[in-house]
């Protein structure tokens, strides 16, 4: 299939939608529609698969995770599972729940008219409203089309955006313009790093070997340490001048069976300039995917304290991101350095 230039796709999308705001890449100004400015200006998320905190933190086959990241950056010791299987977790990290009102995601089924949601209350849409750029980078995803099924070691259930109809269409379509403008093969990330056209929010999906789902812990550890693009991201976020953050998360605790909540801890790493972090690397604050969604809303100025420039109304917390018991990621950071 013919490769399509991201620049041409963005321009075509802006023209087709009659939008005055083309898809943006590059440095952001920071802040919100009412003038607030957050400390962090760019976030990367790498989502790994199906490991418990014990398997990663006490492992002997993951020297990069245990010997480098755990020693230099922050990691959570009480990050709780919220749902099974994989797909509902990916949707949760985008929408603050797997229950989107019209659809509750409970399977790993491919996107379809019946397995997608019409809600516009999800993170990427709020980012669009705020003029923030976002991209998905999926390893081994076939180029040139919005993905609607698996291909080799690429798993479509690990790309959350294709389950939202305002991105992928109703029903989801391989030619959906918003999807083509935002969902890319992993190789695009290296190009964006080289050209200085990084999005404000980057969601990175490894293939099913490198994310530890079908591969081993050693496979995933080797990919994180040995993939040159991933290491460029690490170098980028650990430069204080970039005010950037990398979250390395696991979708669920597979070895915890059907248990969710307390007692089902899974790994989570917070990688950024060490000077931004508190002195202790281990963080015992109770966290979950809802904590990540809440933190993204805070970083990008999408909280009820700010107004949505598109609707003129204050933003709302995305579902469980607004629960009274949902902690954000501020406990990892020195005073005044979050968000």
C-alpha atoms as a PDB file:
ATOM      1  CA  UNK A   1       0.000   0.000   0.000  1.00  0.00           C
ATOM      2  CA  UNK A   2       1.279   3.475  -0.869  1.00  0.00           C
ATOM      3  CA  UNK A   3       2.883   5.427   1.977  1.00  0.00           C
ATOM      4  CA  UNK A   4       1.170   8.734   2.683  1.00  0.00           C
ATOM      5  CA  UNK A   5       3.076  11.756   3.938  1.00  0.00           C
ATOM      6  CA  UNK A   6       1.973  12.796   7.450  1.00  0.00           C
ATOM      7  CA  UNK A   7       2.154  16.445   6.321  1.00  0.00           C
ATOM      8  CA  UNK A   8      -0.205  15.800   3.410  1.00  0.00           C
ATOM      9  CA  UNK A   9      -2.595  13.871   5.650  1.00  0.00           C
ATOM     10  CA  UNK A  10      -2.690  16.713   8.175  1.00  0.00           C
ATOM     11  CA  UNK A  11      -3.335  19.287   5.483  1.00  0.00           C
ATOM     12  CA  UNK A  12      -6.060  17.173   3.898  1.00  0.00           C
ATOM     13  CA  UNK A  13      -7.747  16.629   7.250  1.00  0.00           C
ATOM     14  CA  UNK A  14      -7.776  20.334   8.032  1.00  0.00           C
ATOM     15  CA  UNK A  15      -9.282  21.128   4.643  1.00  0.00           C
ATOM     16  CA  UNK A  16     -11.859  18.341   4.788  1.00  0.00           C
ATOM     17  CA  UNK A  17     -13.098  19.324   8.213  1.00  0.00           C
ATOM     18  CA  UNK A  18     -13.048  23.038   7.531  1.00  0.00           C
ATOM     19  CA  UNK A  19     -10.943  23.409  10.643  1.00  0.00           C
ATOM     20  CA  UNK A  20      -8.816  26.502  11.260  1.00  0.00           C
ATOM     21  CA  UNK A  21      -6.419  24.361  13.282  1.00  0.00           C
ATOM     22  CA  UNK A  22      -4.332  21.839  11.359  1.00  0.00           C
ATOM     23  CA  UNK A  23      -2.871  18.859  13.189  1.00  0.00           C
ATOM     24  CA  UNK A  24       0.099  20.273  15.033  1.00  0.00           C
ATOM     25  CA  UNK A  25       3.539  18.877  15.688  1.00  0.00           C
ATOM     26  CA  UNK A  26       6.511  20.488  17.341  1.00  0.00           C
ATOM     27  CA  UNK A  27       7.134  22.510  20.468  1.00  0.00           C
ATOM     28  CA  UNK A  28       4.076  23.654  22.368  1.00  0.00           C
ATOM     29  CA  UNK A  29       3.626  26.921  24.156  1.00  0.00           C
ATOM     30  CA  UNK A  30       2.371  25.155  27.252  1.00  0.00           C
ATOM     31  CA  UNK A  31      -0.582  26.245  29.260  1.00  0.00           C
ATOM     32  CA  UNK A  32      -4.316  26.340  28.796  1.00  0.00           C
ATOM     33  CA  UNK A  33      -7.075  28.406  27.268  1.00  0.00           C
ATOM     34  CA  UNK A  34      -7.260  30.565  30.371  1.00  0.00           C
ATOM     35  CA  UNK A  35      -3.518  31.275  30.541  1.00  0.00           C
ATOM     36  CA  UNK A  36      -2.303  28.657  33.035  1.00  0.00           C
ATOM     37  CA  UNK A  37       1.091  27.105  32.275  1.00  0.00           C
ATOM     38  CA  UNK A  38       2.155  23.650  33.405  1.00  0.00           C
ATOM     39  CA  UNK A  39       5.735  22.641  34.135  1.00  0.00           C
ATOM     40  CA  UNK A  40       5.716  19.645  31.789  1.00  0.00           C
ATOM     41  CA  UNK A  41       5.305  20.335  28.109  1.00  0.00           C
ATOM     42  CA  UNK A  42       5.548  16.895  26.536  1.00  0.00           C
ATOM     43  CA  UNK A  43       4.598  13.370  27.648  1.00  0.00           C
ATOM     44  CA  UNK A  44       5.508   9.961  26.225  1.00  0.00           C
ATOM     45  CA  UNK A  45       3.701   6.784  27.320  1.00  0.00           C
ATOM     46  CA  UNK A  46       5.047   3.295  26.561  1.00  0.00           C
ATOM     47  CA  UNK A  47       2.534   0.603  27.418  1.00  0.00           C
ATOM     48  CA  UNK A  48       3.913  -2.840  28.197  1.00  0.00           C
ATOM     49  CA  UNK A  49       1.924  -5.996  28.963  1.00  0.00           C
ATOM     50  CA  UNK A  50       0.783  -8.408  31.648  1.00  0.00           C
ATOM     51  CA  UNK A  51       3.449  -8.366  34.367  1.00  0.00           C
ATOM     52  CA  UNK A  52       3.256  -7.953  38.118  1.00  0.00           C
ATOM     53  CA  UNK A  53       5.431  -5.589  40.103  1.00  0.00           C
ATOM     54  CA  UNK A  54       7.151  -8.596  41.661  1.00  0.00           C
ATOM     55  CA  UNK A  55       8.032 -10.065  38.276  1.00  0.00           C
ATOM     56  CA  UNK A  56       9.677  -6.838  37.157  1.00  0.00           C
ATOM     57  CA  UNK A  57      11.108  -5.320  40.329  1.00  0.00           C
ATOM     58  CA  UNK A  58      12.549  -8.562  41.699  1.00  0.00           C
ATOM     59  CA  UNK A  59      13.411 -10.091  38.349  1.00  0.00           C
ATOM     60  CA  UNK A  60      16.829 -11.298  37.242  1.00  0.00           C
ATOM     61  CA  UNK A  61      16.220 -11.090  33.491  1.00  0.00           C
ATOM     62  CA  UNK A  62      15.550  -7.352  33.237  1.00  0.00           C
ATOM     63  CA  UNK A  63      18.847  -5.599  34.019  1.00  0.00           C
ATOM     64  CA  UNK A  64      17.822  -2.344  32.348  1.00  0.00           C
ATOM     65  CA  UNK A  65      14.589  -1.982  34.274  1.00  0.00           C
ATOM     66  CA  UNK A  66      16.056  -3.031  37.627  1.00  0.00           C
ATOM     67  CA  UNK A  67      19.641  -1.868  37.251  1.00  0.00           C
ATOM     68  CA  UNK A  68      19.111   1.462  35.527  1.00  0.00           C
ATOM     69  CA  UNK A  69      15.546   2.776  35.607  1.00  0.00           C
ATOM     70  CA  UNK A  70      14.760   1.691  39.179  1.00  0.00           C
ATOM     71  CA  UNK A  71      17.979   3.225  40.461  1.00  0.00           C
ATOM     72  CA  UNK A  72      17.779   6.542  38.639  1.00  0.00           C
ATOM     73  CA  UNK A  73      14.071   7.354  38.298  1.00  0.00           C
ATOM     74  CA  UNK A  74      10.724   6.840  40.016  1.00  0.00           C
ATOM     75  CA  UNK A  75       8.720   3.631  40.167  1.00  0.00           C
ATOM     76  CA  UNK A  76       5.389   2.793  41.780  1.00  0.00           C
ATOM     77  CA  UNK A  77       5.037  -0.007  44.308  1.00  0.00           C
ATOM     78  CA  UNK A  78       1.226   0.235  44.667  1.00  0.00           C
ATOM     79  CA  UNK A  79      -0.020   0.683  41.109  1.00  0.00           C
ATOM     80  CA  UNK A  80      -3.265  -1.281  41.040  1.00  0.00           C
ATOM     81  CA  UNK A  81      -4.910  -3.299  38.291  1.00  0.00           C
ATOM     82  CA  UNK A  82      -8.314  -1.967  37.255  1.00  0.00           C
ATOM     83  CA  UNK A  83      -9.776  -4.416  34.701  1.00  0.00           C
ATOM     84  CA  UNK A  84      -9.062  -7.424  32.462  1.00  0.00           C
ATOM     85  CA  UNK A  85      -8.295  -8.227  29.636  1.00  0.00           C
ATOM     86  CA  UNK A  86      -5.966  -5.939  27.635  1.00  0.00           C
ATOM     87  CA  UNK A  87      -8.292  -3.855  25.466  1.00  0.00           C
ATOM     88  CA  UNK A  88     -10.384  -2.378  28.305  1.00  0.00           C
ATOM     89  CA  UNK A  89      -7.154  -1.159  29.923  1.00  0.00           C
ATOM     90  CA  UNK A  90      -6.081   0.686  26.800  1.00  0.00           C
ATOM     91  CA  UNK A  91      -9.508   2.288  26.516  1.00  0.00           C
ATOM     92  CA  UNK A  92      -9.308   3.207  30.230  1.00  0.00           C
ATOM     93  CA  UNK A  93      -6.021   5.053  29.710  1.00  0.00           C
ATOM     94  CA  UNK A  94      -7.745   7.148  27.049  1.00  0.00           C
ATOM     95  CA  UNK A  95     -11.192   7.616  28.616  1.00  0.00           C
ATOM     96  CA  UNK A  96     -10.781   7.153  32.372  1.00  0.00           C
ATOM     97  CA  UNK A  97     -12.876   3.955  32.312  1.00  0.00           C
ATOM     98  CA  UNK A  98     -13.726   1.014  30.084  1.00  0.00           C
ATOM     99  CA  UNK A  99     -17.391   2.034  30.459  1.00  0.00           C
ATOM    100  CA  UNK A 100     -17.962   4.841  27.965  1.00  0.00           C
ATOM    101  CA  UNK A 101     -21.736   5.054  28.408  1.00  0.00           C
ATOM    102  CA  UNK A 102     -22.834   3.581  25.106  1.00  0.00           C
ATOM    103  CA  UNK A 103     -20.317   0.719  25.198  1.00  0.00           C
ATOM    104  CA  UNK A 104     -18.516  -1.078  28.019  1.00  0.00           C
ATOM    105  CA  UNK A 105     -15.348  -2.708  26.709  1.00  0.00           C
ATOM    106  CA  UNK A 106     -14.885  -6.181  28.181  1.00  0.00           C
ATOM    107  CA  UNK A 107     -13.169  -8.141  25.378  1.00  0.00           C
ATOM    108  CA  UNK A 108     -10.129  -8.046  23.116  1.00  0.00           C
ATOM    109  CA  UNK A 109     -12.281  -7.885  19.980  1.00  0.00           C
ATOM    110  CA  UNK A 110     -11.256  -5.842  16.941  1.00  0.00           C
ATOM    111  CA  UNK A 111     -12.840  -2.401  16.451  1.00  0.00           C
ATOM    112  CA  UNK A 112     -16.242  -2.511  14.763  1.00  0.00           C
ATOM    113  CA  UNK A 113     -19.543  -0.682  14.766  1.00  0.00           C
ATOM    114  CA  UNK A 114     -20.580  -2.601  17.868  1.00  0.00           C
ATOM    115  CA  UNK A 115     -17.151  -2.538  19.502  1.00  0.00           C
ATOM    116  CA  UNK A 116     -16.448   1.188  19.390  1.00  0.00           C
ATOM    117  CA  UNK A 117     -17.805   4.191  21.234  1.00  0.00           C
ATOM    118  CA  UNK A 118     -19.381   7.455  20.097  1.00  0.00           C
ATOM    119  CA  UNK A 119     -18.252   9.349  23.191  1.00  0.00           C
ATOM    120  CA  UNK A 120     -16.148  12.447  22.603  1.00  0.00           C
ATOM    121  CA  UNK A 121     -15.205  12.595  26.264  1.00  0.00           C
ATOM    122  CA  UNK A 122     -11.732  11.136  25.993  1.00  0.00           C
ATOM    123  CA  UNK A 123      -8.197  12.448  26.259  1.00  0.00           C
ATOM    124  CA  UNK A 124      -7.218  12.859  22.610  1.00  0.00           C
ATOM    125  CA  UNK A 125     -10.372  14.844  21.831  1.00  0.00           C
ATOM    126  CA  UNK A 126      -9.733  17.147  24.774  1.00  0.00           C
ATOM    127  CA  UNK A 127      -6.175  17.607  23.528  1.00  0.00           C
ATOM    128  CA  UNK A 128      -7.563  18.565  20.121  1.00  0.00           C
ATOM    129  CA  UNK A 129      -9.857  21.115  21.740  1.00  0.00           C
ATOM    130  CA  UNK A 130      -6.917  22.635  23.602  1.00  0.00           C
ATOM    131  CA  UNK A 131      -4.759  22.836  20.460  1.00  0.00           C
ATOM    132  CA  UNK A 132      -2.372  20.158  21.722  1.00  0.00           C
ATOM    133  CA  UNK A 133      -0.909  17.638  19.305  1.00  0.00           C
ATOM    134  CA  UNK A 134      -0.966  13.870  19.860  1.00  0.00           C
ATOM    135  CA  UNK A 135       0.151  10.757  18.047  1.00  0.00           C
ATOM    136  CA  UNK A 136       0.080   7.007  18.420  1.00  0.00           C
ATOM    137  CA  UNK A 137       3.244   5.138  17.355  1.00  0.00           C
ATOM    138  CA  UNK A 138       2.608   1.394  16.975  1.00  0.00           C
ATOM    139  CA  UNK A 139       5.410  -1.076  16.303  1.00  0.00           C
ATOM    140  CA  UNK A 140       4.862  -3.332  13.260  1.00  0.00           C
ATOM    141  CA  UNK A 141       1.614  -1.599  12.347  1.00  0.00           C
ATOM    142  CA  UNK A 142       1.092  -1.731   8.571  1.00  0.00           C
ATOM    143  CA  UNK A 143       1.540   1.751   7.047  1.00  0.00           C
ATOM    144  CA  UNK A 144      -0.931   3.745   5.024  1.00  0.00           C
ATOM    145  CA  UNK A 145      -4.225   2.822   6.704  1.00  0.00           C
ATOM    146  CA  UNK A 146      -6.076   3.122   9.985  1.00  0.00           C
ATOM    147  CA  UNK A 147      -5.539  -0.322  11.557  1.00  0.00           C
ATOM    148  CA  UNK A 148      -8.640  -2.412  12.138  1.00  0.00           C
ATOM    149  CA  UNK A 149      -7.092  -5.849  12.707  1.00  0.00           C
ATOM    150  CA  UNK A 150      -3.951  -7.673  13.795  1.00  0.00           C
ATOM    151  CA  UNK A 151      -0.976  -8.095  11.492  1.00  0.00           C
ATOM    152  CA  UNK A 152       1.964 -10.326  12.436  1.00  0.00           C
ATOM    153  CA  UNK A 153       3.184  -9.129  15.831  1.00  0.00           C
ATOM    154  CA  UNK A 154       1.019  -5.991  15.744  1.00  0.00           C
ATOM    155  CA  UNK A 155      -2.118  -6.193  17.914  1.00  0.00           C
ATOM    156  CA  UNK A 156      -4.863  -3.697  17.114  1.00  0.00           C
ATOM    157  CA  UNK A 157      -6.365  -4.140  20.603  1.00  0.00           C
ATOM    158  CA  UNK A 158      -3.276  -2.322  21.893  1.00  0.00           C
ATOM    159  CA  UNK A 159      -4.113   0.877  19.962  1.00  0.00           C
ATOM    160  CA  UNK A 160      -6.846   2.610  21.988  1.00  0.00           C
ATOM    161  CA  UNK A 161      -7.775   5.297  19.466  1.00  0.00           C
ATOM    162  CA  UNK A 162      -9.336   2.933  16.929  1.00  0.00           C
ATOM    163  CA  UNK A 163     -12.150   2.212  19.398  1.00  0.00           C
ATOM    164  CA  UNK A 164     -13.317   5.852  19.398  1.00  0.00           C
ATOM    165  CA  UNK A 165     -15.582   6.794  16.512  1.00  0.00           C
ATOM    166  CA  UNK A 166     -14.513  10.446  16.370  1.00  0.00           C
ATOM    167  CA  UNK A 167     -11.037   9.136  15.518  1.00  0.00           C
ATOM    168  CA  UNK A 168     -11.677   5.932  13.557  1.00  0.00           C
ATOM    169  CA  UNK A 169     -15.171   6.545  12.164  1.00  0.00           C
ATOM    170  CA  UNK A 170     -18.597   4.985  12.609  1.00  0.00           C
ATOM    171  CA  UNK A 171     -18.125   2.193  11.821  1.00  0.00           C
ATOM    172  CA  UNK A 172     -14.319   2.261  12.091  1.00  0.00           C
ATOM    173  CA  UNK A 173     -12.749   2.687   8.664  1.00  0.00           C
ATOM    174  CA  UNK A 174      -9.274   2.081   7.284  1.00  0.00           C
ATOM    175  CA  UNK A 175      -9.539   5.434   5.480  1.00  0.00           C
ATOM    176  CA  UNK A 176     -10.676   7.547   8.451  1.00  0.00           C
ATOM    177  CA  UNK A 177      -8.932  10.913   8.065  1.00  0.00           C
ATOM    178  CA  UNK A 178      -8.551  11.647  11.813  1.00  0.00           C
ATOM    179  CA  UNK A 179      -7.045   8.187  12.343  1.00  0.00           C
ATOM    180  CA  UNK A 180      -4.637   8.600   9.421  1.00  0.00           C
ATOM    181  CA  UNK A 181      -3.574  11.963  10.833  1.00  0.00           C
ATOM    182  CA  UNK A 182      -2.755  10.611  14.289  1.00  0.00           C
ATOM    183  CA  UNK A 183      -2.033   6.855  14.238  1.00  0.00           C
ATOM    184  CA  UNK A 184       1.373   5.928  12.785  1.00  0.00           C
ATOM    185  CA  UNK A 185       3.800   3.036  12.571  1.00  0.00           C
ATOM    186  CA  UNK A 186       6.546   3.184  15.191  1.00  0.00           C
ATOM    187  CA  UNK A 187       9.153   4.243  12.624  1.00  0.00           C
ATOM    188  CA  UNK A 188       7.508   7.664  12.407  1.00  0.00           C
ATOM    189  CA  UNK A 189       8.724   8.429  15.935  1.00  0.00           C
ATOM    190  CA  UNK A 190      12.371   8.347  14.834  1.00  0.00           C
ATOM    191  CA  UNK A 191      11.515  10.765  12.017  1.00  0.00           C
ATOM    192  CA  UNK A 192       9.711  13.094  14.411  1.00  0.00           C
ATOM    193  CA  UNK A 193      12.626  13.039  16.847  1.00  0.00           C
ATOM    194  CA  UNK A 194      15.070  13.837  14.044  1.00  0.00           C
ATOM    195  CA  UNK A 195      12.978  16.640  12.573  1.00  0.00           C
ATOM    196  CA  UNK A 196      11.927  18.223  15.861  1.00  0.00           C
ATOM    197  CA  UNK A 197       8.235  17.649  15.113  1.00  0.00           C
ATOM    198  CA  UNK A 198       7.275  15.642  18.179  1.00  0.00           C
ATOM    199  CA  UNK A 199       3.670  15.799  19.349  1.00  0.00           C
ATOM    200  CA  UNK A 200       2.810  17.064  22.791  1.00  0.00           C
ATOM    201  CA  UNK A 201       1.442  13.640  23.764  1.00  0.00           C
ATOM    202  CA  UNK A 202       2.953  10.461  22.316  1.00  0.00           C
ATOM    203  CA  UNK A 203       1.469   7.017  22.991  1.00  0.00           C
ATOM    204  CA  UNK A 204       3.875   4.193  22.068  1.00  0.00           C
ATOM    205  CA  UNK A 205       2.698   0.624  21.494  1.00  0.00           C
ATOM    206  CA  UNK A 206       5.417  -2.069  21.185  1.00  0.00           C
ATOM    207  CA  UNK A 207       4.649  -5.264  19.295  1.00  0.00           C
ATOM    208  CA  UNK A 208       3.468  -8.315  21.256  1.00  0.00           C
ATOM    209  CA  UNK A 209       6.994  -9.673  21.647  1.00  0.00           C
ATOM    210  CA  UNK A 210       8.614  -6.452  22.793  1.00  0.00           C
ATOM    211  CA  UNK A 211       5.769  -5.548  25.175  1.00  0.00           C
ATOM    212  CA  UNK A 212       6.204  -8.877  27.076  1.00  0.00           C
ATOM    213  CA  UNK A 213       2.752 -10.200  26.093  1.00  0.00           C
ATOM    214  CA  UNK A 214       3.989 -13.008  23.851  1.00  0.00           C
ATOM    215  CA  UNK A 215       7.642 -12.342  24.596  1.00  0.00           C
ATOM    216  CA  UNK A 216       9.521 -12.698  27.858  1.00  0.00           C
ATOM    217  CA  UNK A 217      10.477 -10.110  30.444  1.00  0.00           C
ATOM    218  CA  UNK A 218      13.968 -10.288  28.958  1.00  0.00           C
ATOM    219  CA  UNK A 219      12.570  -9.545  25.492  1.00  0.00           C
ATOM    220  CA  UNK A 220      10.846  -6.415  26.736  1.00  0.00           C
ATOM    221  CA  UNK A 221      13.819  -5.289  28.788  1.00  0.00           C
ATOM    222  CA  UNK A 222      16.087  -5.755  25.799  1.00  0.00           C
ATOM    223  CA  UNK A 223      13.776  -3.707  23.583  1.00  0.00           C
ATOM    224  CA  UNK A 224      13.626  -0.831  26.060  1.00  0.00           C
ATOM    225  CA  UNK A 225      17.407  -0.765  26.463  1.00  0.00           C
ATOM    226  CA  UNK A 226      18.436  -1.711  22.935  1.00  0.00           C
ATOM    227  CA  UNK A 227      15.988   0.076  20.666  1.00  0.00           C
ATOM    228  CA  UNK A 228      17.691   3.248  19.475  1.00  0.00           C
ATOM    229  CA  UNK A 229      14.445   5.210  19.174  1.00  0.00           C
ATOM    230  CA  UNK A 230      13.378   4.358  22.719  1.00  0.00           C
ATOM    231  CA  UNK A 231      16.783   5.403  23.983  1.00  0.00           C
ATOM    232  CA  UNK A 232      16.491   8.699  22.107  1.00  0.00           C
ATOM    233  CA  UNK A 233      13.207   9.273  23.944  1.00  0.00           C
ATOM    234  CA  UNK A 234      14.904   8.520  27.278  1.00  0.00           C
ATOM    235  CA  UNK A 235      17.687  10.982  26.437  1.00  0.00           C
ATOM    236  CA  UNK A 236      15.111  13.570  25.455  1.00  0.00           C
ATOM    237  CA  UNK A 237      13.025  13.342  28.628  1.00  0.00           C
ATOM    238  CA  UNK A 238      16.034  13.293  30.956  1.00  0.00           C
ATOM    239  CA  UNK A 239      17.263  16.625  29.557  1.00  0.00           C
ATOM    240  CA  UNK A 240      15.741  19.173  31.982  1.00  0.00           C
ATOM    241  CA  UNK A 241      15.486  21.781  29.231  1.00  0.00           C
ATOM    242  CA  UNK A 242      12.812  19.719  27.462  1.00  0.00           C
ATOM    243  CA  UNK A 243      10.419  19.598  30.441  1.00  0.00           C
ATOM    244  CA  UNK A 244       9.324  16.163  29.274  1.00  0.00           C
ATOM    245  CA  UNK A 245       8.049  13.021  30.968  1.00  0.00           C
ATOM    246  CA  UNK A 246       8.137   9.333  30.024  1.00  0.00           C
ATOM    247  CA  UNK A 247       5.759   6.839  31.648  1.00  0.00           C
ATOM    248  CA  UNK A 248       6.508   3.149  31.163  1.00  0.00           C
ATOM    249  CA  UNK A 249       3.368   1.322  32.251  1.00  0.00           C
ATOM    250  CA  UNK A 250       1.957  -2.208  32.166  1.00  0.00           C
ATOM    251  CA  UNK A 251      -1.639  -2.661  31.083  1.00  0.00           C
ATOM    252  CA  UNK A 252      -2.577  -5.224  33.743  1.00  0.00           C
ATOM    253  CA  UNK A 253      -1.223  -7.692  36.259  1.00  0.00           C
ATOM    254  CA  UNK A 254      -1.776 -10.971  34.435  1.00  0.00           C
ATOM    255  CA  UNK A 255      -0.339 -13.149  37.207  1.00  0.00           C
ATOM    256  CA  UNK A 256      -2.884 -11.662  39.632  1.00  0.00           C
ATOM    257  CA  UNK A 257      -5.648 -13.652  37.914  1.00  0.00           C
ATOM    258  CA  UNK A 258      -9.019 -11.954  38.070  1.00  0.00           C
ATOM    259  CA  UNK A 259      -8.139  -9.840  41.085  1.00  0.00           C
ATOM    260  CA  UNK A 260      -8.185  -6.098  40.672  1.00  0.00           C
ATOM    261  CA  UNK A 261      -7.503  -3.331  43.128  1.00  0.00           C
ATOM    262  CA  UNK A 262      -5.523  -3.755  46.344  1.00  0.00           C
ATOM    263  CA  UNK A 263      -2.992  -6.556  46.300  1.00  0.00           C
ATOM    264  CA  UNK A 264      -2.628  -6.695  42.525  1.00  0.00           C
ATOM    265  CA  UNK A 265       0.302  -4.334  42.065  1.00  0.00           C
ATOM    266  CA  UNK A 266       1.818  -3.942  38.621  1.00  0.00           C
ATOM    267  CA  UNK A 267       4.887  -1.984  37.520  1.00  0.00           C
ATOM    268  CA  UNK A 268       4.967   1.680  36.555  1.00  0.00           C
ATOM    269  CA  UNK A 269       8.032   3.838  35.888  1.00  0.00           C
ATOM    270  CA  UNK A 270       8.242   7.629  35.843  1.00  0.00           C
ATOM    271  CA  UNK A 271      11.278   8.757  33.831  1.00  0.00           C
ATOM    272  CA  UNK A 272      12.263  12.400  33.628  1.00  0.00           C
ATOM    273  CA  UNK A 273      15.135  14.646  34.626  1.00  0.00           C
ATOM    274  CA  UNK A 274      16.238  13.336  38.061  1.00  0.00           C
ATOM    275  CA  UNK A 275      16.275  16.892  39.419  1.00  0.00           C
ATOM    276  CA  UNK A 276      12.481  17.012  39.058  1.00  0.00           C
ATOM    277  CA  UNK A 277      11.926  13.902  41.180  1.00  0.00           C
ATOM    278  CA  UNK A 278      11.793  13.409  44.931  1.00  0.00           C
ATOM    279  CA  UNK A 279      14.734  11.808  46.693  1.00  0.00           C
ATOM    280  CA  UNK A 280      13.168   8.345  47.047  1.00  0.00           C
ATOM    281  CA  UNK A 281      12.758   6.392  43.828  1.00  0.00           C
ATOM    282  CA  UNK A 282      10.189   3.918  45.248  1.00  0.00           C
ATOM    283  CA  UNK A 283       6.723   5.462  45.534  1.00  0.00           C
ATOM    284  CA  UNK A 284       4.069   3.742  47.659  1.00  0.00           C
ATOM    285  CA  UNK A 285       1.159   6.035  46.738  1.00  0.00           C
ATOM    286  CA  UNK A 286      -1.854   4.038  45.516  1.00  0.00           C
ATOM    287  CA  UNK A 287      -2.107   4.668  41.772  1.00  0.00           C
ATOM    288  CA  UNK A 288      -3.938   3.264  38.753  1.00  0.00           C
ATOM    289  CA  UNK A 289      -4.689   4.035  35.117  1.00  0.00           C
ATOM    290  CA  UNK A 290      -7.158   6.631  36.409  1.00  0.00           C
ATOM    291  CA  UNK A 291      -4.205   8.392  38.055  1.00  0.00           C
ATOM    292  CA  UNK A 292      -2.465   8.631  34.688  1.00  0.00           C
ATOM    293  CA  UNK A 293      -5.540  10.101  32.989  1.00  0.00           C
ATOM    294  CA  UNK A 294      -5.977  12.629  35.804  1.00  0.00           C
ATOM    295  CA  UNK A 295      -2.310  13.595  35.549  1.00  0.00           C
ATOM    296  CA  UNK A 296      -2.518  14.068  31.775  1.00  0.00           C
ATOM    297  CA  UNK A 297      -5.501  16.371  32.262  1.00  0.00           C
ATOM    298  CA  UNK A 298      -3.502  18.365  34.814  1.00  0.00           C
ATOM    299  CA  UNK A 299      -0.345  18.565  32.705  1.00  0.00           C
ATOM    300  CA  UNK A 300      -2.167  19.725  29.584  1.00  0.00           C
ATOM    301  CA  UNK A 301      -4.616  22.076  31.287  1.00  0.00           C
ATOM    302  CA  UNK A 302      -7.752  19.980  30.759  1.00  0.00           C
ATOM    303  CA  UNK A 303      -9.174  20.165  34.291  1.00  0.00           C
ATOM    304  CA  UNK A 304     -12.416  21.723  35.567  1.00  0.00           C
ATOM    305  CA  UNK A 305     -10.351  24.809  36.464  1.00  0.00           C
ATOM    306  CA  UNK A 306      -9.842  25.495  32.742  1.00  0.00           C
ATOM    307  CA  UNK A 307     -12.333  26.185  29.968  1.00  0.00           C
ATOM    308  CA  UNK A 308     -12.637  24.154  26.797  1.00  0.00           C
ATOM    309  CA  UNK A 309     -12.022  26.652  23.993  1.00  0.00           C
ATOM    310  CA  UNK A 310     -14.260  24.638  21.655  1.00  0.00           C
ATOM    311  CA  UNK A 311     -17.328  24.432  23.887  1.00  0.00           C
ATOM    312  CA  UNK A 312     -16.723  27.444  26.122  1.00  0.00           C
ATOM    313  CA  UNK A 313     -17.460  25.279  29.153  1.00  0.00           C
ATOM    314  CA  UNK A 314     -15.100  24.030  31.862  1.00  0.00           C
ATOM    315  CA  UNK A 315     -13.532  20.652  31.172  1.00  0.00           C
ATOM    316  CA  UNK A 316     -14.774  17.741  33.224  1.00  0.00           C
ATOM    317  CA  UNK A 317     -12.668  15.002  34.725  1.00  0.00           C
ATOM    318  CA  UNK A 318     -12.727  11.932  32.529  1.00  0.00           C
ATOM    319  CA  UNK A 319     -14.807   9.414  34.492  1.00  0.00           C
ATOM    320  CA  UNK A 320     -12.703   7.742  37.247  1.00  0.00           C
ATOM    321  CA  UNK A 321      -9.967  10.364  36.849  1.00  0.00           C
ATOM    322  CA  UNK A 322     -12.226  12.571  38.949  1.00  0.00           C
ATOM    323  CA  UNK A 323     -12.941  10.068  41.718  1.00  0.00           C
ATOM    324  CA  UNK A 324     -12.137  11.295  45.220  1.00  0.00           C
ATOM    325  CA  UNK A 325      -9.721   8.402  45.739  1.00  0.00           C
ATOM    326  CA  UNK A 326      -7.773   8.929  42.516  1.00  0.00           C
ATOM    327  CA  UNK A 327      -4.271  10.212  43.245  1.00  0.00           C
ATOM    328  CA  UNK A 328      -2.278  11.949  40.549  1.00  0.00           C
ATOM    329  CA  UNK A 329       1.463  11.494  39.964  1.00  0.00           C
ATOM    330  CA  UNK A 330       2.524  14.529  42.014  1.00  0.00           C
ATOM    331  CA  UNK A 331       4.027  12.383  44.805  1.00  0.00           C
ATOM    332  CA  UNK A 332       6.904  11.464  42.477  1.00  0.00           C
ATOM    333  CA  UNK A 333       8.021  15.058  42.104  1.00  0.00           C
ATOM    334  CA  UNK A 334       9.782  17.748  44.046  1.00  0.00           C
ATOM    335  CA  UNK A 335       7.555  20.510  45.364  1.00  0.00           C
ATOM    336  CA  UNK A 336       6.380  22.779  42.581  1.00  0.00           C
ATOM    337  CA  UNK A 337       7.532  20.476  39.777  1.00  0.00           C
ATOM    338  CA  UNK A 338       4.154  18.907  38.983  1.00  0.00           C
ATOM    339  CA  UNK A 339       2.248  19.404  36.793  1.00  0.00           C
END
